[in-house]
Amino acid sequence: MFKGWLIGTGTNLLNPKVGVFYIATIPQFIPAGTSPLLVGVLLAGVHCLLSMAWFTLLIFGSGYAARWLQGVRSIRIIDSITGSVLVGFGVKLALDPAH
C-alpha cells in the first residue's frame, strides 16, 4: 500500500500538468497582504484533502457498486437495457431515409 502511495506521489510531483494547474489557479485566491507561499501551501493542502476525500468516496462506492453489479438481477437489468438500446439504434437506422 505504501509503495502505491509513493508511486502516485512521485507521478504527481513529476507531472508538469500538476504544476501548471497550481500556477494557474492558486494565485487568484491569495489575498493581498498575505504570505503567498504560506497561503499557496495552505490552498494546495486543502486541494489535497478534498482530493483524498473524493477518492475515498470513489473507492468505497466502487466496491459497493462492484458487489451490486455482479448480482444476477443486476446483470439481467443491464442486459435488458443494453439490448433495448441496441434494438432502438437498429430501428432508427432502419427507418432513416438517408440510407
N, C-alpha and C. Protein backbone atom coordinates (compact mmCIF):
# COMPACT_ATOMS: atom_id res chain seq x y z
N MET A 1 0.84 -1.19 0.00
CA MET A 1 0.00 0.00 0.00
C MET A 1 0.88 1.25 0.00
N PHE A 2 1.93 1.25 0.80
CA PHE A 2 2.82 2.42 0.87
C PHE A 2 3.56 2.61 -0.45
N LYS A 3 3.90 1.50 -1.09
CA LYS A 3 4.59 1.58 -2.39
C LYS A 3 3.69 2.26 -3.42
N GLY A 4 2.40 1.92 -3.43
CA GLY A 4 1.45 2.56 -4.35
C GLY A 4 1.34 4.05 -4.09
N TRP A 5 1.33 4.42 -2.82
CA TRP A 5 1.25 5.85 -2.48
C TRP A 5 2.50 6.58 -2.98
N LEU A 6 3.67 5.97 -2.79
CA LEU A 6 4.91 6.59 -3.25
C LEU A 6 4.93 6.75 -4.77
N ILE A 7 4.46 5.74 -5.47
CA ILE A 7 4.42 5.82 -6.94
C ILE A 7 3.47 6.93 -7.37
N GLY A 8 2.31 7.01 -6.76
CA GLY A 8 1.35 8.07 -7.10
C GLY A 8 1.88 9.45 -6.78
N THR A 9 2.52 9.61 -5.64
CA THR A 9 3.09 10.90 -5.25
C THR A 9 4.20 11.30 -6.22
N GLY A 10 5.07 10.35 -6.53
CA GLY A 10 6.15 10.64 -7.48
C GLY A 10 5.62 11.01 -8.85
N THR A 11 4.60 10.31 -9.30
CA THR A 11 3.99 10.62 -10.59
C THR A 11 3.40 12.03 -10.59
N ASN A 12 2.72 12.39 -9.52
CA ASN A 12 2.13 13.73 -9.43
C ASN A 12 3.21 14.81 -9.37
N LEU A 13 4.26 14.58 -8.59
CA LEU A 13 5.30 15.59 -8.46
C LEU A 13 6.08 15.78 -9.76
N LEU A 14 6.21 14.72 -10.56
CA LEU A 14 6.95 14.81 -11.81
C LEU A 14 6.06 15.16 -13.01
N ASN A 15 4.77 15.29 -12.79
CA ASN A 15 3.83 15.59 -13.86
C ASN A 15 3.76 17.12 -14.03
N PRO A 16 4.18 17.65 -15.18
CA PRO A 16 4.15 19.10 -15.35
C PRO A 16 2.74 19.69 -15.34
N LYS A 17 1.73 18.89 -15.66
CA LYS A 17 0.35 19.40 -15.66
C LYS A 17 -0.10 19.80 -14.27
N VAL A 18 0.38 19.09 -13.26
CA VAL A 18 0.02 19.42 -11.88
C VAL A 18 0.59 20.79 -11.51
N GLY A 19 1.85 21.02 -11.86
CA GLY A 19 2.46 22.33 -11.59
C GLY A 19 1.75 23.45 -12.32
N VAL A 20 1.40 23.21 -13.57
CA VAL A 20 0.67 24.23 -14.35
C VAL A 20 -0.68 24.52 -13.72
N PHE A 21 -1.35 23.47 -13.24
CA PHE A 21 -2.65 23.67 -12.58
C PHE A 21 -2.52 24.59 -11.37
N TYR A 22 -1.52 24.32 -10.52
CA TYR A 22 -1.36 25.14 -9.32
C TYR A 22 -0.92 26.56 -9.67
N ILE A 23 -0.05 26.71 -10.64
CA ILE A 23 0.40 28.05 -11.03
C ILE A 23 -0.75 28.85 -11.64
N ALA A 24 -1.65 28.17 -12.34
CA ALA A 24 -2.76 28.86 -13.00
C ALA A 24 -3.92 29.16 -12.06
N THR A 25 -4.12 28.36 -11.04
CA THR A 25 -5.32 28.55 -10.21
C THR A 25 -5.07 29.18 -8.85
N ILE A 26 -4.02 28.79 -8.17
CA ILE A 26 -3.84 29.23 -6.78
C ILE A 26 -3.61 30.74 -6.64
N PRO A 27 -2.81 31.39 -7.49
CA PRO A 27 -2.55 32.82 -7.26
C PRO A 27 -3.80 33.70 -7.19
N GLN A 28 -4.84 33.35 -7.91
CA GLN A 28 -6.04 34.19 -7.89
C GLN A 28 -6.79 34.13 -6.57
N PHE A 29 -6.46 33.17 -5.72
CA PHE A 29 -7.14 33.05 -4.43
C PHE A 29 -6.29 33.52 -3.26
N ILE A 30 -5.11 34.07 -3.53
CA ILE A 30 -4.24 34.55 -2.47
C ILE A 30 -4.60 36.01 -2.17
N PRO A 31 -5.08 36.30 -0.96
CA PRO A 31 -5.46 37.67 -0.62
C PRO A 31 -4.23 38.58 -0.57
N ALA A 32 -4.45 39.84 -0.89
CA ALA A 32 -3.37 40.83 -0.84
C ALA A 32 -2.90 41.00 0.60
N GLY A 33 -1.61 41.16 0.76
CA GLY A 33 -1.04 41.40 2.08
C GLY A 33 -0.75 40.14 2.88
N THR A 34 -0.92 38.98 2.28
CA THR A 34 -0.60 37.74 2.99
C THR A 34 0.63 37.09 2.35
N SER A 35 1.19 36.15 3.02
CA SER A 35 2.35 35.44 2.51
C SER A 35 1.92 34.51 1.37
N PRO A 36 2.37 34.77 0.15
CA PRO A 36 1.96 33.91 -0.98
C PRO A 36 2.37 32.45 -0.78
N LEU A 37 3.55 32.23 -0.21
CA LEU A 37 3.99 30.86 0.00
C LEU A 37 3.10 30.14 1.01
N LEU A 38 2.84 30.80 2.14
CA LEU A 38 2.03 30.18 3.19
C LEU A 38 0.61 29.89 2.70
N VAL A 39 -0.02 30.88 2.08
CA VAL A 39 -1.40 30.70 1.61
C VAL A 39 -1.43 29.70 0.45
N GLY A 40 -0.42 29.74 -0.42
CA GLY A 40 -0.36 28.78 -1.53
C GLY A 40 -0.25 27.35 -1.03
N VAL A 41 0.60 27.13 -0.04
CA VAL A 41 0.74 25.79 0.54
C VAL A 41 -0.55 25.38 1.24
N LEU A 42 -1.19 26.31 1.93
CA LEU A 42 -2.46 26.03 2.59
C LEU A 42 -3.53 25.63 1.58
N LEU A 43 -3.63 26.38 0.48
CA LEU A 43 -4.62 26.06 -0.55
C LEU A 43 -4.30 24.73 -1.23
N ALA A 44 -3.03 24.46 -1.46
CA ALA A 44 -2.65 23.16 -2.04
C ALA A 44 -3.00 22.04 -1.07
N GLY A 45 -2.83 22.27 0.23
CA GLY A 45 -3.21 21.27 1.23
C GLY A 45 -4.71 21.02 1.26
N VAL A 46 -5.48 22.09 1.13
CA VAL A 46 -6.94 21.94 1.07
C VAL A 46 -7.33 21.13 -0.16
N HIS A 47 -6.70 21.44 -1.29
CA HIS A 47 -6.97 20.68 -2.51
C HIS A 47 -6.61 19.21 -2.32
N CYS A 48 -5.51 18.94 -1.66
CA CYS A 48 -5.08 17.56 -1.40
C CYS A 48 -6.10 16.84 -0.52
N LEU A 49 -6.57 17.49 0.54
CA LEU A 49 -7.55 16.87 1.43
C LEU A 49 -8.87 16.61 0.72
N LEU A 50 -9.32 17.55 -0.10
CA LEU A 50 -10.55 17.35 -0.85
C LEU A 50 -10.40 16.20 -1.84
N SER A 51 -9.25 16.12 -2.47
CA SER A 51 -8.99 15.02 -3.41
C SER A 51 -9.00 13.68 -2.69
N MET A 52 -8.36 13.63 -1.53
CA MET A 52 -8.33 12.38 -0.77
C MET A 52 -9.74 11.96 -0.33
N ALA A 53 -10.55 12.93 0.08
CA ALA A 53 -11.93 12.62 0.47
C ALA A 53 -12.72 12.10 -0.73
N TRP A 54 -12.56 12.74 -1.88
CA TRP A 54 -13.27 12.33 -3.09
C TRP A 54 -12.85 10.92 -3.51
N PHE A 55 -11.55 10.65 -3.53
CA PHE A 55 -11.07 9.33 -3.94
C PHE A 55 -11.48 8.25 -2.94
N THR A 56 -11.55 8.59 -1.66
CA THR A 56 -12.03 7.64 -0.65
C THR A 56 -13.48 7.28 -0.94
N LEU A 57 -14.28 8.29 -1.26
CA LEU A 57 -15.68 8.05 -1.62
C LEU A 57 -15.77 7.17 -2.87
N LEU A 58 -14.95 7.45 -3.87
CA LEU A 58 -14.95 6.63 -5.08
C LEU A 58 -14.54 5.19 -4.81
N ILE A 59 -13.55 5.00 -3.97
CA ILE A 59 -13.08 3.65 -3.67
C ILE A 59 -14.17 2.84 -2.98
N PHE A 60 -14.76 3.40 -1.94
CA PHE A 60 -15.81 2.67 -1.23
C PHE A 60 -17.06 2.52 -2.09
N GLY A 61 -17.38 3.55 -2.86
CA GLY A 61 -18.54 3.47 -3.75
C GLY A 61 -18.35 2.44 -4.84
N SER A 62 -17.16 2.35 -5.40
CA SER A 62 -16.92 1.35 -6.45
C SER A 62 -16.95 -0.06 -5.88
N GLY A 63 -16.50 -0.23 -4.65
CA GLY A 63 -16.60 -1.54 -4.01
C GLY A 63 -18.04 -1.97 -3.84
N TYR A 64 -18.88 -1.04 -3.40
CA TYR A 64 -20.31 -1.33 -3.27
C TYR A 64 -20.93 -1.60 -4.63
N ALA A 65 -20.59 -0.75 -5.61
CA ALA A 65 -21.14 -0.92 -6.96
C ALA A 65 -20.71 -2.24 -7.58
N ALA A 66 -19.47 -2.65 -7.34
CA ALA A 66 -18.99 -3.93 -7.89
C ALA A 66 -19.80 -5.09 -7.34
N ARG A 67 -20.06 -5.07 -6.05
CA ARG A 67 -20.86 -6.15 -5.45
C ARG A 67 -22.27 -6.15 -6.03
N TRP A 68 -22.85 -4.96 -6.19
CA TRP A 68 -24.20 -4.86 -6.73
C TRP A 68 -24.24 -5.29 -8.20
N LEU A 69 -23.27 -4.86 -8.98
CA LEU A 69 -23.26 -5.15 -10.41
C LEU A 69 -22.99 -6.62 -10.72
N GLN A 70 -22.42 -7.35 -9.78
CA GLN A 70 -22.14 -8.77 -10.00
C GLN A 70 -23.34 -9.66 -9.69
N GLY A 71 -24.39 -9.09 -9.17
CA GLY A 71 -25.58 -9.87 -8.86
C GLY A 71 -26.34 -10.28 -10.12
N VAL A 72 -27.04 -11.41 -10.04
CA VAL A 72 -27.77 -11.93 -11.19
C VAL A 72 -28.85 -10.94 -11.64
N ARG A 73 -29.56 -10.37 -10.70
CA ARG A 73 -30.63 -9.42 -11.03
C ARG A 73 -30.07 -8.19 -11.75
N SER A 74 -28.94 -7.67 -11.27
CA SER A 74 -28.31 -6.51 -11.89
C SER A 74 -27.86 -6.82 -13.31
N ILE A 75 -27.27 -7.99 -13.50
CA ILE A 75 -26.81 -8.37 -14.84
C ILE A 75 -28.00 -8.46 -15.79
N ARG A 76 -29.10 -9.02 -15.32
CA ARG A 76 -30.30 -9.12 -16.15
C ARG A 76 -30.83 -7.73 -16.53
N ILE A 77 -30.85 -6.81 -15.56
CA ILE A 77 -31.33 -5.45 -15.83
C ILE A 77 -30.41 -4.75 -16.83
N ILE A 78 -29.10 -4.86 -16.63
CA ILE A 78 -28.14 -4.21 -17.54
C ILE A 78 -28.25 -4.80 -18.94
N ASP A 79 -28.38 -6.13 -19.04
CA ASP A 79 -28.54 -6.76 -20.35
C ASP A 79 -29.82 -6.31 -21.04
N SER A 80 -30.90 -6.16 -20.28
CA SER A 80 -32.17 -5.71 -20.86
C SER A 80 -32.05 -4.28 -21.39
N ILE A 81 -31.44 -3.41 -20.60
CA ILE A 81 -31.28 -2.02 -21.02
C ILE A 81 -30.37 -1.93 -22.25
N THR A 82 -29.26 -2.65 -22.22
CA THR A 82 -28.32 -2.63 -23.34
C THR A 82 -28.99 -3.18 -24.60
N GLY A 83 -29.71 -4.28 -24.47
CA GLY A 83 -30.41 -4.85 -25.62
C GLY A 83 -31.44 -3.90 -26.18
N SER A 84 -32.20 -3.24 -25.31
CA SER A 84 -33.21 -2.28 -25.77
C SER A 84 -32.57 -1.12 -26.51
N VAL A 85 -31.47 -0.63 -26.01
CA VAL A 85 -30.78 0.49 -26.67
C VAL A 85 -30.28 0.05 -28.04
N LEU A 86 -29.69 -1.15 -28.12
CA LEU A 86 -29.19 -1.63 -29.40
C LEU A 86 -30.33 -1.85 -30.40
N VAL A 87 -31.44 -2.40 -29.96
CA VAL A 87 -32.60 -2.57 -30.85
C VAL A 87 -33.12 -1.20 -31.29
N GLY A 88 -33.15 -0.24 -30.36
CA GLY A 88 -33.58 1.12 -30.72
C GLY A 88 -32.67 1.74 -31.78
N PHE A 89 -31.36 1.56 -31.63
CA PHE A 89 -30.44 2.07 -32.65
C PHE A 89 -30.69 1.39 -33.99
N GLY A 90 -30.95 0.10 -33.95
CA GLY A 90 -31.21 -0.63 -35.20
C GLY A 90 -32.48 -0.14 -35.87
N VAL A 91 -33.53 0.06 -35.10
CA VAL A 91 -34.80 0.57 -35.66
C VAL A 91 -34.59 1.98 -36.24
N LYS A 92 -33.88 2.82 -35.50
CA LYS A 92 -33.61 4.18 -36.00
C LYS A 92 -32.84 4.13 -37.31
N LEU A 93 -31.85 3.26 -37.38
CA LEU A 93 -31.05 3.12 -38.58
C LEU A 93 -31.89 2.58 -39.74
N ALA A 94 -32.76 1.62 -39.44
CA ALA A 94 -33.60 1.02 -40.49
C ALA A 94 -34.61 2.03 -41.02
N LEU A 95 -35.10 2.93 -40.18
CA LEU A 95 -36.10 3.91 -40.60
C LEU A 95 -35.50 5.22 -41.10
N ASP A 96 -34.19 5.34 -41.08
CA ASP A 96 -33.52 6.57 -41.53
C ASP A 96 -33.62 6.66 -43.06
N PRO A 97 -34.24 7.71 -43.58
CA PRO A 97 -34.40 7.84 -45.04
C PRO A 97 -33.11 8.05 -45.79
N ALA A 98 -32.03 8.43 -45.12
CA ALA A 98 -30.76 8.71 -45.81
C ALA A 98 -30.10 7.41 -46.26
N HIS A 99 -30.50 6.28 -45.73
CA HIS A 99 -29.86 5.01 -46.11
C HIS A 99 -30.73 4.26 -47.02
